[in-house]
């Protein structure tokens, strides 16, 4: 089994799904510390030819340390504003009508917790892209480890024989090729930006999967796969 481990981010970028497309199982890190103003609560879309952040406001006052699973969405008014921003940004995209209603339906569930909102979106995009993958959460595993030791424990406890991670992980994994005390092989990858159809003439990379899906529809999965590269 090829395992991946990642944070559940908000409307993830394109490379995130290129990664999910390659693994057999993903473990979402739901019980690690939440990072304010991180990809856990925001991502980029293209507005008037420029990259712009859309952000889900969350409750952080007096909560200096909280797990991702405990983070509450601040209010639902912000969700309505995000829906409108997405509408006016992408209403002229070729495949907008095929996906916008489904995306609004997820927003309209009015999840109280950021984690559930993020997971609902990730599952929707995976289904839409026809990616076959199993899901799990780090909170389901008995370990109190942190950082790279947490990764090692999750690999051991999941019983995987291969682990896939980003090339940026080489630093804290110290270029390891095998998970310590196991036979689990480590594979590293990077995502090379692939140009695709966008609104406006200038191409902007590293946007939310929304941008790719609205502009390329069912061809999105082929574009994702072109950018994936093992190191």
C-alpha atoms as a PDB file:
ATOM      1  CA  UNK A   1       0.000   0.000   0.000  1.00  0.00           C
ATOM      2  CA  UNK A   2       1.243   3.460  -0.934  1.00  0.00           C
ATOM      3  CA  UNK A   3       0.393   5.901   1.878  1.00  0.00           C
ATOM      4  CA  UNK A   4       0.138   9.678   1.866  1.00  0.00           C
ATOM      5  CA  UNK A   5      -0.214  11.965   4.893  1.00  0.00           C
ATOM      6  CA  UNK A   6      -1.425  15.556   4.658  1.00  0.00           C
ATOM      7  CA  UNK A   7      -3.355  18.372   6.312  1.00  0.00           C
ATOM      8  CA  UNK A   8      -6.974  18.865   5.189  1.00  0.00           C
ATOM      9  CA  UNK A   9      -6.705  22.238   3.424  1.00  0.00           C
ATOM     10  CA  UNK A  10      -9.422  24.583   2.156  1.00  0.00           C
ATOM     11  CA  UNK A  11     -10.279  24.261  -1.563  1.00  0.00           C
ATOM     12  CA  UNK A  12      -6.808  22.759  -2.134  1.00  0.00           C
ATOM     13  CA  UNK A  13      -4.446  23.704  -4.925  1.00  0.00           C
ATOM     14  CA  UNK A  14      -3.972  21.588  -8.034  1.00  0.00           C
ATOM     15  CA  UNK A  15      -0.823  19.763  -6.898  1.00  0.00           C
ATOM     16  CA  UNK A  16      -2.680  18.500  -3.823  1.00  0.00           C
ATOM     17  CA  UNK A  17      -4.927  16.384  -6.016  1.00  0.00           C
ATOM     18  CA  UNK A  18      -2.070  15.212  -8.221  1.00  0.00           C
ATOM     19  CA  UNK A  19      -0.657  13.796  -4.976  1.00  0.00           C
ATOM     20  CA  UNK A  20      -3.944  12.181  -3.908  1.00  0.00           C
ATOM     21  CA  UNK A  21      -4.269  10.621  -7.351  1.00  0.00           C
ATOM     22  CA  UNK A  22      -1.064   8.638  -6.763  1.00  0.00           C
ATOM     23  CA  UNK A  23      -1.616   7.162  -3.301  1.00  0.00           C
ATOM     24  CA  UNK A  24      -3.791   4.245  -2.225  1.00  0.00           C
ATOM     25  CA  UNK A  25      -4.660   5.765   1.133  1.00  0.00           C
ATOM     26  CA  UNK A  26      -4.474   9.221   2.683  1.00  0.00           C
ATOM     27  CA  UNK A  27      -4.285   9.985   6.398  1.00  0.00           C
ATOM     28  CA  UNK A  28      -5.536  13.476   7.207  1.00  0.00           C
ATOM     29  CA  UNK A  29      -3.760  15.162  10.102  1.00  0.00           C
ATOM     30  CA  UNK A  30      -6.778  16.269  12.090  1.00  0.00           C
ATOM     31  CA  UNK A  31      -5.315  16.328  15.607  1.00  0.00           C
ATOM     32  CA  UNK A  32      -2.260  18.512  15.040  1.00  0.00           C
ATOM     33  CA  UNK A  33      -2.167  22.203  15.945  1.00  0.00           C
ATOM     34  CA  UNK A  34      -4.145  24.592  13.766  1.00  0.00           C
ATOM     35  CA  UNK A  35      -2.120  27.291  12.023  1.00  0.00           C
ATOM     36  CA  UNK A  36      -3.925  30.588  11.608  1.00  0.00           C
ATOM     37  CA  UNK A  37      -3.741  32.189   8.141  1.00  0.00           C
ATOM     38  CA  UNK A  38      -2.497  28.946   6.608  1.00  0.00           C
ATOM     39  CA  UNK A  39      -3.802  26.830   3.729  1.00  0.00           C
ATOM     40  CA  UNK A  40      -5.996  25.136   6.301  1.00  0.00           C
ATOM     41  CA  UNK A  41      -8.427  28.054   5.978  1.00  0.00           C
ATOM     42  CA  UNK A  42      -7.650  29.773   2.674  1.00  0.00           C
ATOM     43  CA  UNK A  43      -6.583  29.365  -0.938  1.00  0.00           C
ATOM     44  CA  UNK A  44      -6.080  31.297  -4.172  1.00  0.00           C
ATOM     45  CA  UNK A  45      -8.449  31.892  -7.069  1.00  0.00           C
ATOM     46  CA  UNK A  46      -7.947  34.102 -10.122  1.00  0.00           C
ATOM     47  CA  UNK A  47      -9.808  37.427  -9.999  1.00  0.00           C
ATOM     48  CA  UNK A  48      -9.412  39.961 -12.807  1.00  0.00           C
ATOM     49  CA  UNK A  49      -6.197  38.348 -13.961  1.00  0.00           C
ATOM     50  CA  UNK A  50      -4.583  38.230 -10.515  1.00  0.00           C
ATOM     51  CA  UNK A  51      -4.198  35.652  -7.762  1.00  0.00           C
ATOM     52  CA  UNK A  52      -6.446  36.446  -4.790  1.00  0.00           C
ATOM     53  CA  UNK A  53      -7.003  34.695  -1.481  1.00  0.00           C
ATOM     54  CA  UNK A  54     -10.402  33.561  -0.285  1.00  0.00           C
ATOM     55  CA  UNK A  55     -10.436  32.869   3.432  1.00  0.00           C
ATOM     56  CA  UNK A  56     -12.815  31.173   5.844  1.00  0.00           C
ATOM     57  CA  UNK A  57     -12.850  33.225   9.078  1.00  0.00           C
ATOM     58  CA  UNK A  58     -12.539  30.994  12.140  1.00  0.00           C
ATOM     59  CA  UNK A  59     -12.781  31.413  15.902  1.00  0.00           C
ATOM     60  CA  UNK A  60      -9.325  31.992  17.350  1.00  0.00           C
ATOM     61  CA  UNK A  61      -9.866  34.555  20.130  1.00  0.00           C
ATOM     62  CA  UNK A  62      -8.579  33.055  23.354  1.00  0.00           C
ATOM     63  CA  UNK A  63      -7.706  29.840  21.508  1.00  0.00           C
ATOM     64  CA  UNK A  64      -3.964  30.079  21.085  1.00  0.00           C
ATOM     65  CA  UNK A  65      -3.567  26.324  20.847  1.00  0.00           C
ATOM     66  CA  UNK A  66      -6.296  24.239  19.229  1.00  0.00           C
ATOM     67  CA  UNK A  67      -6.379  21.137  17.095  1.00  0.00           C
ATOM     68  CA  UNK A  68      -7.533  21.330  13.496  1.00  0.00           C
ATOM     69  CA  UNK A  69     -10.535  19.207  14.436  1.00  0.00           C
ATOM     70  CA  UNK A  70     -11.610  21.776  17.051  1.00  0.00           C
ATOM     71  CA  UNK A  71     -11.542  24.885  14.848  1.00  0.00           C
ATOM     72  CA  UNK A  72     -14.978  26.472  14.440  1.00  0.00           C
ATOM     73  CA  UNK A  73     -16.091  28.635  11.526  1.00  0.00           C
ATOM     74  CA  UNK A  74     -16.694  32.201  12.715  1.00  0.00           C
ATOM     75  CA  UNK A  75     -19.947  32.935  10.883  1.00  0.00           C
ATOM     76  CA  UNK A  76     -21.957  31.851   7.877  1.00  0.00           C
ATOM     77  CA  UNK A  77     -22.152  35.363   6.403  1.00  0.00           C
ATOM     78  CA  UNK A  78     -18.576  34.947   5.242  1.00  0.00           C
ATOM     79  CA  UNK A  79     -19.605  31.796   3.367  1.00  0.00           C
ATOM     80  CA  UNK A  80     -22.202  33.755   1.408  1.00  0.00           C
ATOM     81  CA  UNK A  81     -19.574  36.318   0.438  1.00  0.00           C
ATOM     82  CA  UNK A  82     -17.214  33.569  -0.742  1.00  0.00           C
ATOM     83  CA  UNK A  83     -20.000  32.005  -2.841  1.00  0.00           C
ATOM     84  CA  UNK A  84     -20.674  35.360  -4.490  1.00  0.00           C
ATOM     85  CA  UNK A  85     -16.987  35.934  -5.133  1.00  0.00           C
ATOM     86  CA  UNK A  86     -16.686  32.524  -6.797  1.00  0.00           C
ATOM     87  CA  UNK A  87     -19.818  33.191  -8.849  1.00  0.00           C
ATOM     88  CA  UNK A  88     -18.733  36.558 -10.240  1.00  0.00           C
ATOM     89  CA  UNK A  89     -15.184  35.317 -10.816  1.00  0.00           C
ATOM     90  CA  UNK A  90     -16.014  32.146 -12.756  1.00  0.00           C
ATOM     91  CA  UNK A  91     -19.529  32.574 -14.163  1.00  0.00           C
ATOM     92  CA  UNK A  92     -18.100  32.850 -17.706  1.00  0.00           C
ATOM     93  CA  UNK A  93     -15.884  29.762 -17.418  1.00  0.00           C
ATOM     94  CA  UNK A  94     -16.803  26.935 -19.790  1.00  0.00           C
ATOM     95  CA  UNK A  95     -17.680  24.365 -17.117  1.00  0.00           C
ATOM     96  CA  UNK A  96     -18.988  26.722 -14.447  1.00  0.00           C
ATOM     97  CA  UNK A  97     -22.604  25.530 -14.672  1.00  0.00           C
ATOM     98  CA  UNK A  98     -21.576  21.897 -14.214  1.00  0.00           C
ATOM     99  CA  UNK A  99     -20.020  22.384 -10.791  1.00  0.00           C
ATOM    100  CA  UNK A 100     -21.099  25.632  -9.147  1.00  0.00           C
ATOM    101  CA  UNK A 101     -24.376  24.329  -7.714  1.00  0.00           C
ATOM    102  CA  UNK A 102     -22.647  21.317  -6.144  1.00  0.00           C
ATOM    103  CA  UNK A 103     -20.036  23.585  -4.593  1.00  0.00           C
ATOM    104  CA  UNK A 104     -22.746  25.855  -3.186  1.00  0.00           C
ATOM    105  CA  UNK A 105     -24.529  22.829  -1.736  1.00  0.00           C
ATOM    106  CA  UNK A 106     -21.418  21.990   0.277  1.00  0.00           C
ATOM    107  CA  UNK A 107     -21.156  25.550   1.553  1.00  0.00           C
ATOM    108  CA  UNK A 108     -24.868  25.528   2.376  1.00  0.00           C
ATOM    109  CA  UNK A 109     -24.522  22.560   4.720  1.00  0.00           C
ATOM    110  CA  UNK A 110     -23.394  25.198   7.216  1.00  0.00           C
ATOM    111  CA  UNK A 111     -20.743  23.080   8.865  1.00  0.00           C
ATOM    112  CA  UNK A 112     -19.744  24.474  12.232  1.00  0.00           C
ATOM    113  CA  UNK A 113     -16.228  23.090  11.997  1.00  0.00           C
ATOM    114  CA  UNK A 114     -13.568  23.927   9.438  1.00  0.00           C
ATOM    115  CA  UNK A 115     -12.348  20.330   9.264  1.00  0.00           C
ATOM    116  CA  UNK A 116     -15.691  18.990   8.088  1.00  0.00           C
ATOM    117  CA  UNK A 117     -16.042  21.712   5.465  1.00  0.00           C
ATOM    118  CA  UNK A 118     -12.574  20.982   4.106  1.00  0.00           C
ATOM    119  CA  UNK A 119     -13.141  17.229   4.056  1.00  0.00           C
ATOM    120  CA  UNK A 120     -16.499  17.618   2.297  1.00  0.00           C
ATOM    121  CA  UNK A 121     -14.842  19.647  -0.448  1.00  0.00           C
ATOM    122  CA  UNK A 122     -11.897  17.275  -0.798  1.00  0.00           C
ATOM    123  CA  UNK A 123     -14.247  14.305  -1.124  1.00  0.00           C
ATOM    124  CA  UNK A 124     -16.325  16.148  -3.715  1.00  0.00           C
ATOM    125  CA  UNK A 125     -13.310  16.989  -5.859  1.00  0.00           C
ATOM    126  CA  UNK A 126     -11.933  13.460  -5.572  1.00  0.00           C
ATOM    127  CA  UNK A 127     -15.251  12.020  -6.720  1.00  0.00           C
ATOM    128  CA  UNK A 128     -15.507  14.549  -9.555  1.00  0.00           C
ATOM    129  CA  UNK A 129     -11.963  13.779 -10.721  1.00  0.00           C
ATOM    130  CA  UNK A 130     -12.667  10.027 -10.381  1.00  0.00           C
ATOM    131  CA  UNK A 131      -9.715   9.516  -8.020  1.00  0.00           C
ATOM    132  CA  UNK A 132      -9.824   6.191  -6.160  1.00  0.00           C
ATOM    133  CA  UNK A 133      -8.465   6.491  -2.627  1.00  0.00           C
ATOM    134  CA  UNK A 134      -9.137   5.392   0.962  1.00  0.00           C
ATOM    135  CA  UNK A 135      -9.449   7.956   3.790  1.00  0.00           C
ATOM    136  CA  UNK A 136      -8.368   7.939   7.412  1.00  0.00           C
ATOM    137  CA  UNK A 137      -7.523  10.403  10.189  1.00  0.00           C
ATOM    138  CA  UNK A 138      -4.479  10.668  12.430  1.00  0.00           C
ATOM    139  CA  UNK A 139      -6.767  10.846  15.484  1.00  0.00           C
ATOM    140  CA  UNK A 140      -7.682   7.202  14.849  1.00  0.00           C
ATOM    141  CA  UNK A 141      -4.125   6.094  15.647  1.00  0.00           C
ATOM    142  CA  UNK A 142      -2.661   5.666  19.124  1.00  0.00           C
ATOM    143  CA  UNK A 143       0.363   7.945  19.086  1.00  0.00           C
ATOM    144  CA  UNK A 144       1.426  11.120  20.859  1.00  0.00           C
ATOM    145  CA  UNK A 145       4.390  11.717  18.577  1.00  0.00           C
ATOM    146  CA  UNK A 146       5.084  15.055  16.890  1.00  0.00           C
ATOM    147  CA  UNK A 147       6.579  16.204  13.585  1.00  0.00           C
ATOM    148  CA  UNK A 148       8.590  13.535  11.745  1.00  0.00           C
ATOM    149  CA  UNK A 149       8.090  10.984  14.525  1.00  0.00           C
ATOM    150  CA  UNK A 150       4.341  11.300  14.008  1.00  0.00           C
ATOM    151  CA  UNK A 151       4.834  10.483  10.333  1.00  0.00           C
ATOM    152  CA  UNK A 152       6.943   7.466  11.254  1.00  0.00           C
ATOM    153  CA  UNK A 153       4.322   6.196  13.704  1.00  0.00           C
ATOM    154  CA  UNK A 154       1.462   6.626  11.229  1.00  0.00           C
ATOM    155  CA  UNK A 155       3.405   4.678   8.612  1.00  0.00           C
ATOM    156  CA  UNK A 156       4.103   1.878  11.079  1.00  0.00           C
ATOM    157  CA  UNK A 157       0.582   1.723  12.475  1.00  0.00           C
ATOM    158  CA  UNK A 158      -1.081   1.843   9.049  1.00  0.00           C
ATOM    159  CA  UNK A 159       0.978  -1.097   7.799  1.00  0.00           C
ATOM    160  CA  UNK A 160       2.000   0.616   4.567  1.00  0.00           C
ATOM    161  CA  UNK A 161       5.022  -0.579   2.626  1.00  0.00           C
ATOM    162  CA  UNK A 162       5.502   2.699   0.708  1.00  0.00           C
ATOM    163  CA  UNK A 163       5.163   6.314   1.754  1.00  0.00           C
ATOM    164  CA  UNK A 164       4.831   9.245  -0.665  1.00  0.00           C
ATOM    165  CA  UNK A 165       5.612  12.821   0.330  1.00  0.00           C
ATOM    166  CA  UNK A 166       6.630  16.150  -1.202  1.00  0.00           C
ATOM    167  CA  UNK A 167      10.208  16.946  -2.119  1.00  0.00           C
ATOM    168  CA  UNK A 168      10.059  19.707   0.483  1.00  0.00           C
ATOM    169  CA  UNK A 169       9.847  17.017   3.173  1.00  0.00           C
ATOM    170  CA  UNK A 170      13.426  15.936   2.482  1.00  0.00           C
ATOM    171  CA  UNK A 171      14.725  18.539   4.925  1.00  0.00           C
ATOM    172  CA  UNK A 172      12.954  17.319   8.060  1.00  0.00           C
ATOM    173  CA  UNK A 173      13.116  13.668   6.962  1.00  0.00           C
ATOM    174  CA  UNK A 174      16.863  14.127   6.396  1.00  0.00           C
ATOM    175  CA  UNK A 175      16.767  12.492   2.961  1.00  0.00           C
ATOM    176  CA  UNK A 176      15.686   9.184   4.461  1.00  0.00           C
ATOM    177  CA  UNK A 177      14.815   6.432   1.994  1.00  0.00           C
ATOM    178  CA  UNK A 178      13.322   4.040   4.553  1.00  0.00           C
ATOM    179  CA  UNK A 179      11.048   4.756   7.539  1.00  0.00           C
ATOM    180  CA  UNK A 180      13.157   3.956  10.653  1.00  0.00           C
ATOM    181  CA  UNK A 181      12.610   0.506  12.174  1.00  0.00           C
ATOM    182  CA  UNK A 182      10.511  -0.593   9.174  1.00  0.00           C
ATOM    183  CA  UNK A 183      10.883  -1.750   5.572  1.00  0.00           C
ATOM    184  CA  UNK A 184       8.654   1.106   4.376  1.00  0.00           C
ATOM    185  CA  UNK A 185      10.227   2.871   1.418  1.00  0.00           C
ATOM    186  CA  UNK A 186       9.957   6.663   1.125  1.00  0.00           C
ATOM    187  CA  UNK A 187       9.251   8.246  -2.250  1.00  0.00           C
ATOM    188  CA  UNK A 188       9.453  11.991  -2.933  1.00  0.00           C
ATOM    189  CA  UNK A 189       7.582  13.950  -5.582  1.00  0.00           C
ATOM    190  CA  UNK A 190       7.188  17.450  -6.925  1.00  0.00           C
ATOM    191  CA  UNK A 191       4.440  19.072  -8.951  1.00  0.00           C
ATOM    192  CA  UNK A 192       5.492  21.007 -12.033  1.00  0.00           C
ATOM    193  CA  UNK A 193       3.007  23.659 -13.108  1.00  0.00           C
ATOM    194  CA  UNK A 194       1.181  22.753 -16.321  1.00  0.00           C
ATOM    195  CA  UNK A 195      -0.554  25.508 -18.278  1.00  0.00           C
ATOM    196  CA  UNK A 196      -4.248  25.034 -18.944  1.00  0.00           C
ATOM    197  CA  UNK A 197      -7.166  27.174 -20.106  1.00  0.00           C
ATOM    198  CA  UNK A 198      -7.868  30.092 -17.781  1.00  0.00           C
ATOM    199  CA  UNK A 199     -10.036  33.187 -17.900  1.00  0.00           C
ATOM    200  CA  UNK A 200      -7.911  36.186 -18.958  1.00  0.00           C
ATOM    201  CA  UNK A 201      -4.803  35.736 -21.067  1.00  0.00           C
ATOM    202  CA  UNK A 202      -2.105  35.560 -18.399  1.00  0.00           C
ATOM    203  CA  UNK A 203      -1.608  32.131 -16.854  1.00  0.00           C
ATOM    204  CA  UNK A 204      -1.338  31.973 -13.057  1.00  0.00           C
ATOM    205  CA  UNK A 205      -0.077  28.727 -11.443  1.00  0.00           C
ATOM    206  CA  UNK A 206      -0.819  27.187  -8.046  1.00  0.00           C
ATOM    207  CA  UNK A 207      -4.460  28.167  -7.824  1.00  0.00           C
ATOM    208  CA  UNK A 208      -7.264  26.290  -6.107  1.00  0.00           C
ATOM    209  CA  UNK A 209      -8.622  23.229  -7.880  1.00  0.00           C
ATOM    210  CA  UNK A 210     -11.725  25.371  -8.491  1.00  0.00           C
ATOM    211  CA  UNK A 211      -9.918  27.250 -11.234  1.00  0.00           C
ATOM    212  CA  UNK A 212      -8.871  24.111 -13.076  1.00  0.00           C
ATOM    213  CA  UNK A 213     -12.261  22.418 -12.778  1.00  0.00           C
ATOM    214  CA  UNK A 214     -14.301  25.410 -13.956  1.00  0.00           C
ATOM    215  CA  UNK A 215     -12.014  25.874 -16.959  1.00  0.00           C
ATOM    216  CA  UNK A 216     -11.156  22.308 -17.976  1.00  0.00           C
ATOM    217  CA  UNK A 217     -13.950  20.090 -16.673  1.00  0.00           C
ATOM    218  CA  UNK A 218     -13.336  16.364 -17.152  1.00  0.00           C
ATOM    219  CA  UNK A 219      -9.943  17.074 -18.708  1.00  0.00           C
ATOM    220  CA  UNK A 220      -8.700  18.293 -15.313  1.00  0.00           C
ATOM    221  CA  UNK A 221      -7.420  14.879 -14.229  1.00  0.00           C
ATOM    222  CA  UNK A 222      -5.195  14.635 -17.315  1.00  0.00           C
ATOM    223  CA  UNK A 223      -3.638  18.019 -16.541  1.00  0.00           C
ATOM    224  CA  UNK A 224      -3.032  16.997 -12.932  1.00  0.00           C
ATOM    225  CA  UNK A 225      -1.188  13.893 -14.017  1.00  0.00           C
ATOM    226  CA  UNK A 226       1.064  15.769 -16.415  1.00  0.00           C
ATOM    227  CA  UNK A 227       2.491  17.861 -13.599  1.00  0.00           C
ATOM    228  CA  UNK A 228       3.303  15.002 -11.202  1.00  0.00           C
ATOM    229  CA  UNK A 229       6.948  13.897 -11.031  1.00  0.00           C
ATOM    230  CA  UNK A 230       8.754  11.460  -8.756  1.00  0.00           C
ATOM    231  CA  UNK A 231      12.155  12.689  -7.570  1.00  0.00           C
END
